[in-house]
Amino acid sequence: MTTETDDREILTEIRDGVCVITFNRPKARNAITATMGPAYADALRAADDDPAVRVIVVTGAGPGFCSGADLDVLRGGPEMIKKFVPAREDLPTLAMRLRKPVIAAINGAAVGIGFAYMLGSDIRFAAESAKIATAFSRLGLAAEYGVSWLLPRVIGVQAAMDLLLSGRTIDAQEAAAIGLVHRVVPDGTVLDAALAYAADLAANCSPFSFATIKKQVYADLDRSADDALTDTLQQMDIAFDGPGLAEALTARTEKRPAVFDALPARD
């Protein structure tokens, strides 16, 4: 089933437990409009709330992933730009707060807010020819959308400073070398590679585990080791009492795939 929203700027499609969300302004390299950001956030939340969806893949239509903010917005002056900035709950870091894994299939340029959307994903695949840049310093801007908090935690302070201060463009190979992307694949195959990875997660892993592990990892970025250990022990107790472990062990005994319960819709 395919659902189109916001005049086709954002497309969603569910494939065997995987929701594919596509930035759909290919002629503009998927530059973000004022309506596109909230529509993307709505699509993420809808996928997170759908029991039929276990994993989310984000990509771009045509030759680009997301080239940043639409130039007409940037040329519209400070007041227009301020209205363009998504509400706090719709920022690119929304993907980190979801219960389900979000995988970016970076098929082309990821720049500015496109860089932030890519960075907010849990796992990142990139096509060989993909170009990646923060670009903020070359536009006289601050590090936007929480990138200054997240990027040093992903690639380290020095590498983050390099990308943020210089605003330079890097290729997929350099992005992989510094740990910014998980895997580099040939052009034309990045969505298939991300979908294959997502399909394995959807078929073989526990949605309860996805939600718990994501919450642990991102919360632990701001916790002491002692607090993280306390939380880990609590989460272990919850998991031991849940149905997932029993089903996994039974499935192994019966030599069949485990059938894990879907996450319920949020209240």
C-alpha atoms as a PDB file:
ATOM      1  CA  MET A   1       0.000   0.000   0.000  1.00  0.00           C
ATOM      2  CA  THR A   2       1.323   3.449  -0.887  1.00  0.00           C
ATOM      3  CA  THR A   3       0.108   6.603   0.797  1.00  0.00           C
ATOM      4  CA  GLU A   4       0.974  10.010  -0.628  1.00  0.00           C
ATOM      5  CA  THR A   5       0.862  13.114   1.555  1.00  0.00           C
ATOM      6  CA  ASP A   6       1.481  16.834   1.252  1.00  0.00           C
ATOM      7  CA  ASP A   7       1.175  17.046  -2.556  1.00  0.00           C
ATOM      8  CA  ARG A   8       3.493  14.058  -3.032  1.00  0.00           C
ATOM      9  CA  GLU A   9       6.431  15.717  -1.259  1.00  0.00           C
ATOM     10  CA  ILE A  10       6.610  12.692   1.036  1.00  0.00           C
ATOM     11  CA  LEU A  11       5.773   9.146  -0.087  1.00  0.00           C
ATOM     12  CA  THR A  12       5.302   6.140   2.179  1.00  0.00           C
ATOM     13  CA  GLU A  13       5.067   2.478   1.259  1.00  0.00           C
ATOM     14  CA  ILE A  14       4.884  -0.597   3.484  1.00  0.00           C
ATOM     15  CA  ARG A  15       6.713  -3.712   2.285  1.00  0.00           C
ATOM     16  CA  ASP A  16       6.606  -6.825   4.477  1.00  0.00           C
ATOM     17  CA  GLY A  17       6.977  -4.994   7.767  1.00  0.00           C
ATOM     18  CA  VAL A  18       9.274  -2.273   6.395  1.00  0.00           C
ATOM     19  CA  CYS A  19       7.963   1.253   5.846  1.00  0.00           C
ATOM     20  CA  VAL A  20       9.832   3.116   3.102  1.00  0.00           C
ATOM     21  CA  ILE A  21       9.579   6.901   3.434  1.00  0.00           C
ATOM     22  CA  THR A  22      10.781   8.883   0.416  1.00  0.00           C
ATOM     23  CA  PHE A  23      11.596  12.566   0.078  1.00  0.00           C
ATOM     24  CA  ASN A  24       9.881  13.248  -3.230  1.00  0.00           C
ATOM     25  CA  ARG A  25      11.068  16.462  -4.889  1.00  0.00           C
ATOM     26  CA  PRO A  26      13.604  14.897  -7.280  1.00  0.00           C
ATOM     27  CA  LYS A  27      13.867  17.934  -9.573  1.00  0.00           C
ATOM     28  CA  ALA A  28      14.965  19.986  -6.547  1.00  0.00           C
ATOM     29  CA  ARG A  29      17.240  17.225  -5.197  1.00  0.00           C
ATOM     30  CA  ASN A  30      14.587  16.774  -2.487  1.00  0.00           C
ATOM     31  CA  ALA A  31      15.200  20.191  -0.956  1.00  0.00           C
ATOM     32  CA  ILE A  32      12.964  20.676   2.059  1.00  0.00           C
ATOM     33  CA  THR A  33      10.002  23.057   1.898  1.00  0.00           C
ATOM     34  CA  ALA A  34       8.105  24.514   4.851  1.00  0.00           C
ATOM     35  CA  THR A  35       5.432  21.817   4.504  1.00  0.00           C
ATOM     36  CA  MET A  36       7.787  18.928   3.802  1.00  0.00           C
ATOM     37  CA  GLY A  37       9.491  18.763   7.205  1.00  0.00           C
ATOM     38  CA  PRO A  38       6.244  18.395   9.195  1.00  0.00           C
ATOM     39  CA  ALA A  39       4.939  15.885   6.631  1.00  0.00           C
ATOM     40  CA  TYR A  40       8.073  13.783   7.068  1.00  0.00           C
ATOM     41  CA  ALA A  41       7.696  13.921  10.846  1.00  0.00           C
ATOM     42  CA  ASP A  42       4.056  12.847  10.520  1.00  0.00           C
ATOM     43  CA  ALA A  43       5.088   9.934   8.302  1.00  0.00           C
ATOM     44  CA  LEU A  44       7.676   8.821  10.869  1.00  0.00           C
ATOM     45  CA  ARG A  45       5.161   8.947  13.700  1.00  0.00           C
ATOM     46  CA  ALA A  46       2.542   7.094  11.662  1.00  0.00           C
ATOM     47  CA  ALA A  47       5.030   4.322  10.889  1.00  0.00           C
ATOM     48  CA  ASP A  48       6.080   4.121  14.523  1.00  0.00           C
ATOM     49  CA  ASP A  49       2.423   3.790  15.548  1.00  0.00           C
ATOM     50  CA  ASP A  50       1.540   1.130  12.941  1.00  0.00           C
ATOM     51  CA  PRO A  51       1.761  -2.441  14.329  1.00  0.00           C
ATOM     52  CA  ALA A  52       2.360  -3.683  10.769  1.00  0.00           C
ATOM     53  CA  VAL A  53       5.630  -1.726  10.590  1.00  0.00           C
ATOM     54  CA  ARG A  54       8.738  -3.051  12.316  1.00  0.00           C
ATOM     55  CA  VAL A  55      11.529  -1.094  10.582  1.00  0.00           C
ATOM     56  CA  ILE A  56      11.642   2.245   8.744  1.00  0.00           C
ATOM     57  CA  VAL A  57      13.837   3.066   5.717  1.00  0.00           C
ATOM     58  CA  VAL A  58      14.260   6.669   4.563  1.00  0.00           C
ATOM     59  CA  THR A  59      15.538   7.616   1.116  1.00  0.00           C
ATOM     60  CA  GLY A  60      15.238  10.242  -1.606  1.00  0.00           C
ATOM     61  CA  ALA A  61      13.625  10.150  -5.032  1.00  0.00           C
ATOM     62  CA  GLY A  62      15.835  10.669  -8.062  1.00  0.00           C
ATOM     63  CA  PRO A  63      19.557  11.446  -7.769  1.00  0.00           C
ATOM     64  CA  GLY A  64      19.618  13.015  -4.300  1.00  0.00           C
ATOM     65  CA  PHE A  65      18.821  12.137  -0.705  1.00  0.00           C
ATOM     66  CA  CYS A  66      18.094  15.670   0.549  1.00  0.00           C
ATOM     67  CA  SER A  67      20.024  18.744  -0.582  1.00  0.00           C
ATOM     68  CA  GLY A  68      19.005  20.948   2.360  1.00  0.00           C
ATOM     69  CA  ALA A  69      16.454  23.713   2.698  1.00  0.00           C
ATOM     70  CA  ASP A  70      14.755  24.943  -0.448  1.00  0.00           C
ATOM     71  CA  LEU A  71      16.652  27.963  -1.772  1.00  0.00           C
ATOM     72  CA  ASP A  72      13.463  30.022  -2.027  1.00  0.00           C
ATOM     73  CA  VAL A  73      13.144  29.680   1.748  1.00  0.00           C
ATOM     74  CA  LEU A  74      16.733  30.772   2.365  1.00  0.00           C
ATOM     75  CA  ARG A  75      16.296  33.752   0.044  1.00  0.00           C
ATOM     76  CA  GLY A  76      13.087  34.807   1.786  1.00  0.00           C
ATOM     77  CA  GLY A  77      14.845  36.492   4.678  1.00  0.00           C
ATOM     78  CA  PRO A  78      15.048  35.819   8.411  1.00  0.00           C
ATOM     79  CA  GLU A  79      11.316  35.796   9.125  1.00  0.00           C
ATOM     80  CA  MET A  80      10.554  33.242   6.408  1.00  0.00           C
ATOM     81  CA  ILE A  81      13.489  31.094   7.479  1.00  0.00           C
ATOM     82  CA  LYS A  82      12.368  31.121  11.122  1.00  0.00           C
ATOM     83  CA  LYS A  83       8.888  29.974  10.066  1.00  0.00           C
ATOM     84  CA  PHE A  84      10.507  27.172   8.055  1.00  0.00           C
ATOM     85  CA  VAL A  85      12.320  25.636  11.046  1.00  0.00           C
ATOM     86  CA  PRO A  86      10.344  22.590  12.224  1.00  0.00           C
ATOM     87  CA  ALA A  87       8.725  22.601  15.638  1.00  0.00           C
ATOM     88  CA  ARG A  88      10.830  21.009  18.353  1.00  0.00           C
ATOM     89  CA  GLU A  89       8.868  17.754  18.197  1.00  0.00           C
ATOM     90  CA  ASP A  90       9.401  17.562  14.396  1.00  0.00           C
ATOM     91  CA  LEU A  91      13.183  18.126  14.352  1.00  0.00           C
ATOM     92  CA  PRO A  92      15.431  15.577  12.596  1.00  0.00           C
ATOM     93  CA  THR A  93      16.234  14.020  15.984  1.00  0.00           C
ATOM     94  CA  LEU A  94      12.634  12.720  16.059  1.00  0.00           C
ATOM     95  CA  ALA A  95      13.866   9.493  14.432  1.00  0.00           C
ATOM     96  CA  MET A  96      15.998   8.796  17.501  1.00  0.00           C
ATOM     97  CA  ARG A  97      12.938   8.985  19.755  1.00  0.00           C
ATOM     98  CA  LEU A  98      10.927   6.437  17.799  1.00  0.00           C
ATOM     99  CA  ARG A  99      10.564   2.862  19.019  1.00  0.00           C
ATOM    100  CA  LYS A 100      11.530   1.358  15.671  1.00  0.00           C
ATOM    101  CA  PRO A 101      14.880   1.325  13.825  1.00  0.00           C
ATOM    102  CA  VAL A 102      15.271   4.059  11.211  1.00  0.00           C
ATOM    103  CA  ILE A 103      17.698   3.292   8.380  1.00  0.00           C
ATOM    104  CA  ALA A 104      18.848   5.987   5.948  1.00  0.00           C
ATOM    105  CA  ALA A 105      19.475   4.886   2.355  1.00  0.00           C
ATOM    106  CA  ILE A 106      21.593   7.818   1.179  1.00  0.00           C
ATOM    107  CA  ASN A 107      21.334   7.681  -2.601  1.00  0.00           C
ATOM    108  CA  GLY A 108      22.840  11.099  -3.285  1.00  0.00           C
ATOM    109  CA  ALA A 109      23.597  14.471  -1.725  1.00  0.00           C
ATOM    110  CA  ALA A 110      22.809  14.863   1.990  1.00  0.00           C
ATOM    111  CA  VAL A 111      23.434  18.494   2.896  1.00  0.00           C
ATOM    112  CA  GLY A 112      22.317  20.898   5.646  1.00  0.00           C
ATOM    113  CA  ILE A 113      18.997  19.731   7.036  1.00  0.00           C
ATOM    114  CA  GLY A 114      19.425  16.687   4.788  1.00  0.00           C
ATOM    115  CA  PHE A 115      22.628  15.954   6.707  1.00  0.00           C
ATOM    116  CA  ALA A 116      20.649  16.313   9.949  1.00  0.00           C
ATOM    117  CA  TYR A 117      17.948  13.907   8.741  1.00  0.00           C
ATOM    118  CA  MET A 118      20.628  11.402   7.751  1.00  0.00           C
ATOM    119  CA  LEU A 119      22.434  11.796  11.076  1.00  0.00           C
ATOM    120  CA  GLY A 120      19.238  11.335  13.093  1.00  0.00           C
ATOM    121  CA  SER A 121      18.747   7.873  11.595  1.00  0.00           C
ATOM    122  CA  ASP A 122      19.968   4.897  13.596  1.00  0.00           C
ATOM    123  CA  ILE A 123      21.891   3.245  10.737  1.00  0.00           C
ATOM    124  CA  ARG A 124      23.168   4.770   7.494  1.00  0.00           C
ATOM    125  CA  PHE A 125      23.853   3.163   4.097  1.00  0.00           C
ATOM    126  CA  ALA A 126      25.383   5.296   1.343  1.00  0.00           C
ATOM    127  CA  ALA A 127      25.783   4.960  -2.408  1.00  0.00           C
ATOM    128  CA  GLU A 128      29.356   5.231  -3.671  1.00  0.00           C
ATOM    129  CA  SER A 129      28.730   8.602  -5.337  1.00  0.00           C
ATOM    130  CA  ALA A 130      26.852  10.152  -2.403  1.00  0.00           C
ATOM    131  CA  LYS A 131      28.133  13.535  -1.260  1.00  0.00           C
ATOM    132  CA  ILE A 132      27.694  14.666   2.332  1.00  0.00           C
ATOM    133  CA  ALA A 133      28.173  18.092   3.930  1.00  0.00           C
ATOM    134  CA  THR A 134      27.015  20.049   6.961  1.00  0.00           C
ATOM    135  CA  ALA A 135      27.369  23.271   4.886  1.00  0.00           C
ATOM    136  CA  PHE A 136      26.269  25.504   7.786  1.00  0.00           C
ATOM    137  CA  SER A 137      29.503  27.460   8.090  1.00  0.00           C
ATOM    138  CA  ARG A 138      29.505  28.207   4.350  1.00  0.00           C
ATOM    139  CA  LEU A 139      26.085  29.839   4.680  1.00  0.00           C
ATOM    140  CA  GLY A 140      26.888  31.909   7.769  1.00  0.00           C
ATOM    141  CA  LEU A 141      24.720  29.665   9.953  1.00  0.00           C
ATOM    142  CA  ALA A 142      25.001  27.917  13.299  1.00  0.00           C
ATOM    143  CA  ALA A 143      25.212  24.145  13.597  1.00  0.00           C
ATOM    144  CA  GLU A 144      21.521  23.369  13.265  1.00  0.00           C
ATOM    145  CA  TYR A 145      18.916  20.815  14.376  1.00  0.00           C
ATOM    146  CA  GLY A 146      20.943  19.279  17.198  1.00  0.00           C
ATOM    147  CA  VAL A 147      23.861  18.309  14.952  1.00  0.00           C
ATOM    148  CA  SER A 148      26.380  19.910  17.343  1.00  0.00           C
ATOM    149  CA  TRP A 149      25.212  17.510  20.094  1.00  0.00           C
ATOM    150  CA  LEU A 150      24.892  14.323  18.044  1.00  0.00           C
ATOM    151  CA  LEU A 151      27.746  14.484  15.520  1.00  0.00           C
ATOM    152  CA  PRO A 152      30.614  14.456  18.092  1.00  0.00           C
ATOM    153  CA  ARG A 153      28.964  11.446  19.741  1.00  0.00           C
ATOM    154  CA  VAL A 154      28.880   9.595  16.416  1.00  0.00           C
ATOM    155  CA  ILE A 155      32.328  10.384  14.983  1.00  0.00           C
ATOM    156  CA  GLY A 156      34.256  12.097  17.812  1.00  0.00           C
ATOM    157  CA  VAL A 157      34.899  15.742  18.575  1.00  0.00           C
ATOM    158  CA  GLN A 158      37.809  16.373  16.191  1.00  0.00           C
ATOM    159  CA  ALA A 159      36.128  14.825  13.144  1.00  0.00           C
ATOM    160  CA  ALA A 160      32.897  16.638  14.012  1.00  0.00           C
ATOM    161  CA  MET A 161      34.737  19.943  14.314  1.00  0.00           C
ATOM    162  CA  ASP A 162      36.297  19.365  10.902  1.00  0.00           C
ATOM    163  CA  LEU A 163      32.947  18.804   9.198  1.00  0.00           C
ATOM    164  CA  LEU A 164      31.159  21.588  11.067  1.00  0.00           C
ATOM    165  CA  LEU A 165      33.855  24.280  10.888  1.00  0.00           C
ATOM    166  CA  SER A 166      34.860  23.651   7.285  1.00  0.00           C
ATOM    167  CA  GLY A 167      31.424  22.798   5.910  1.00  0.00           C
ATOM    168  CA  ARG A 168      33.335  20.842   3.286  1.00  0.00           C
ATOM    169  CA  THR A 169      31.818  18.074   1.180  1.00  0.00           C
ATOM    170  CA  ILE A 170      32.988  14.526   1.796  1.00  0.00           C
ATOM    171  CA  ASP A 171      32.375  11.413  -0.255  1.00  0.00           C
ATOM    172  CA  ALA A 172      30.837   8.171   0.940  1.00  0.00           C
ATOM    173  CA  GLN A 173      34.206   6.489   1.401  1.00  0.00           C
ATOM    174  CA  GLU A 174      35.441   9.167   3.795  1.00  0.00           C
ATOM    175  CA  ALA A 175      32.096   9.096   5.595  1.00  0.00           C
ATOM    176  CA  ALA A 176      32.530   5.369   6.142  1.00  0.00           C
ATOM    177  CA  ALA A 177      36.129   5.770   7.271  1.00  0.00           C
ATOM    178  CA  ILE A 178      35.134   8.184  10.055  1.00  0.00           C
ATOM    179  CA  GLY A 179      32.109   6.116  11.084  1.00  0.00           C
ATOM    180  CA  LEU A 180      29.459   8.475   9.755  1.00  0.00           C
ATOM    181  CA  VAL A 181      27.888   5.819   7.518  1.00  0.00           C
ATOM    182  CA  HIS A 182      27.577   2.114   8.200  1.00  0.00           C
ATOM    183  CA  ARG A 183      28.097   0.720   4.707  1.00  0.00           C
ATOM    184  CA  VAL A 184      28.943   1.971   1.202  1.00  0.00           C
ATOM    185  CA  VAL A 185      27.402   0.139  -1.757  1.00  0.00           C
ATOM    186  CA  PRO A 186      27.457   0.598  -5.541  1.00  0.00           C
ATOM    187  CA  ASP A 187      25.276   3.306  -7.048  1.00  0.00           C
ATOM    188  CA  GLY A 188      21.773   2.127  -7.790  1.00  0.00           C
ATOM    189  CA  THR A 189      21.804  -0.502  -5.041  1.00  0.00           C
ATOM    190  CA  VAL A 190      21.623   1.493  -1.819  1.00  0.00           C
ATOM    191  CA  LEU A 191      17.866   1.201  -1.331  1.00  0.00           C
ATOM    192  CA  ASP A 192      17.972  -2.538  -2.043  1.00  0.00           C
ATOM    193  CA  ALA A 193      20.832  -2.969   0.441  1.00  0.00           C
ATOM    194  CA  ALA A 194      19.003  -1.002   3.120  1.00  0.00           C
ATOM    195  CA  LEU A 195      15.789  -2.915   2.453  1.00  0.00           C
ATOM    196  CA  ALA A 196      17.559  -6.274   2.690  1.00  0.00           C
ATOM    197  CA  TYR A 197      19.044  -5.268   6.033  1.00  0.00           C
ATOM    198  CA  ALA A 198      15.671  -3.952   7.213  1.00  0.00           C
ATOM    199  CA  ALA A 199      13.886  -7.112   6.072  1.00  0.00           C
ATOM    200  CA  ASP A 200      16.242  -9.235   8.156  1.00  0.00           C
ATOM    201  CA  LEU A 201      15.541  -7.094  11.208  1.00  0.00           C
ATOM    202  CA  ALA A 202      11.798  -7.187  10.584  1.00  0.00           C
ATOM    203  CA  ALA A 203      11.734 -10.964  10.157  1.00  0.00           C
ATOM    204  CA  ASN A 204      14.128 -12.072  12.879  1.00  0.00           C
ATOM    205  CA  CYS A 205      14.339  -9.492  15.659  1.00  0.00           C
ATOM    206  CA  SER A 206      12.039  -8.457  18.483  1.00  0.00           C
ATOM    207  CA  PRO A 207      10.168  -5.140  18.224  1.00  0.00           C
ATOM    208  CA  PHE A 208      10.279  -4.993  22.037  1.00  0.00           C
ATOM    209  CA  SER A 209      14.070  -5.248  21.832  1.00  0.00           C
ATOM    210  CA  PHE A 210      14.233  -2.519  19.184  1.00  0.00           C
ATOM    211  CA  ALA A 211      12.275  -0.111  21.375  1.00  0.00           C
ATOM    212  CA  THR A 212      14.182  -0.967  24.535  1.00  0.00           C
ATOM    213  CA  ILE A 213      17.657  -0.857  22.989  1.00  0.00           C
ATOM    214  CA  LYS A 214      17.061   2.445  21.177  1.00  0.00           C
ATOM    215  CA  LYS A 215      15.828   4.024  24.395  1.00  0.00           C
ATOM    216  CA  GLN A 216      18.834   2.651  26.311  1.00  0.00           C
ATOM    217  CA  VAL A 217      21.474   3.744  23.812  1.00  0.00           C
ATOM    218  CA  TYR A 218      20.256   7.309  23.327  1.00  0.00           C
ATOM    219  CA  ALA A 219      19.482   7.844  27.019  1.00  0.00           C
ATOM    220  CA  ASP A 220      22.908   6.504  27.979  1.00  0.00           C
ATOM    221  CA  LEU A 221      24.599   9.238  25.935  1.00  0.00           C
ATOM    222  CA  ASP A 222      23.739  11.596  28.799  1.00  0.00           C
ATOM    223  CA  ARG A 223      23.980   9.193  31.744  1.00  0.00           C
ATOM    224  CA  SER A 224      26.847   8.158  33.963  1.00  0.00           C
ATOM    225  CA  ALA A 225      28.106   4.600  33.687  1.00  0.00           C
ATOM    226  CA  ASP A 226      26.583   3.823  37.074  1.00  0.00           C
ATOM    227  CA  ASP A 227      23.163   5.161  36.091  1.00  0.00           C
ATOM    228  CA  ALA A 228      23.343   3.281  32.796  1.00  0.00           C
ATOM    229  CA  LEU A 229      24.168   0.051  34.642  1.00  0.00           C
ATOM    230  CA  THR A 230      21.227   0.572  37.012  1.00  0.00           C
ATOM    231  CA  ASP A 231      18.896   1.047  34.060  1.00  0.00           C
ATOM    232  CA  THR A 232      20.376  -1.957  32.236  1.00  0.00           C
ATOM    233  CA  LEU A 233      19.601  -4.238  35.158  1.00  0.00           C
ATOM    234  CA  GLN A 234      16.022  -2.935  35.285  1.00  0.00           C
ATOM    235  CA  GLN A 235      15.556  -3.462  31.558  1.00  0.00           C
ATOM    236  CA  MET A 236      16.986  -6.981  31.833  1.00  0.00           C
ATOM    237  CA  ASP A 237      14.421  -7.864  34.502  1.00  0.00           C
ATOM    238  CA  ILE A 238      11.607  -6.596  32.289  1.00  0.00           C
ATOM    239  CA  ALA A 239      12.892  -8.592  29.314  1.00  0.00           C
ATOM    240  CA  PHE A 240      13.310 -11.795  31.337  1.00  0.00           C
ATOM    241  CA  ASP A 241       9.643 -11.570  32.349  1.00  0.00           C
ATOM    242  CA  GLY A 242       8.417 -10.807  28.831  1.00  0.00           C
ATOM    243  CA  PRO A 243       7.270 -13.262  26.149  1.00  0.00           C
ATOM    244  CA  GLY A 244      10.098 -12.617  23.713  1.00  0.00           C
ATOM    245  CA  LEU A 245      12.787 -14.743  25.342  1.00  0.00           C
ATOM    246  CA  ALA A 246      10.460 -17.720  25.816  1.00  0.00           C
ATOM    247  CA  GLU A 247       9.369 -17.536  22.170  1.00  0.00           C
ATOM    248  CA  ALA A 248      12.972 -17.277  20.946  1.00  0.00           C
ATOM    249  CA  LEU A 249      14.045 -20.321  22.961  1.00  0.00           C
ATOM    250  CA  THR A 250      11.008 -22.342  21.871  1.00  0.00           C
ATOM    251  CA  ALA A 251      11.639 -21.423  18.238  1.00  0.00           C
ATOM    252  CA  ARG A 252      15.253 -22.582  18.488  1.00  0.00           C
ATOM    253  CA  THR A 253      14.162 -25.880  20.002  1.00  0.00           C
ATOM    254  CA  GLU A 254      11.597 -26.334  17.234  1.00  0.00           C
ATOM    255  CA  LYS A 255      14.093 -25.171  14.568  1.00  0.00           C
ATOM    256  CA  ARG A 256      11.819 -22.438  13.226  1.00  0.00           C
ATOM    257  CA  PRO A 257      11.949 -18.642  13.054  1.00  0.00           C
ATOM    258  CA  ALA A 258      10.763 -16.856  16.170  1.00  0.00           C
ATOM    259  CA  VAL A 259       7.471 -14.989  15.903  1.00  0.00           C
ATOM    260  CA  PHE A 260       7.769 -11.896  18.063  1.00  0.00           C
ATOM    261  CA  ASP A 261       4.801  -9.770  19.082  1.00  0.00           C
ATOM    262  CA  ALA A 262       4.342  -6.453  17.284  1.00  0.00           C
ATOM    263  CA  LEU A 263       4.507  -3.268  19.292  1.00  0.00           C
ATOM    264  CA  PRO A 264       1.064  -1.936  20.140  1.00  0.00           C
ATOM    265  CA  ALA A 265      -0.040   1.468  18.923  1.00  0.00           C
ATOM    266  CA  ARG A 266       0.851   4.272  21.288  1.00  0.00           C
ATOM    267  CA  ASP A 267      -1.909   5.399  23.649  1.00  0.00           C
END
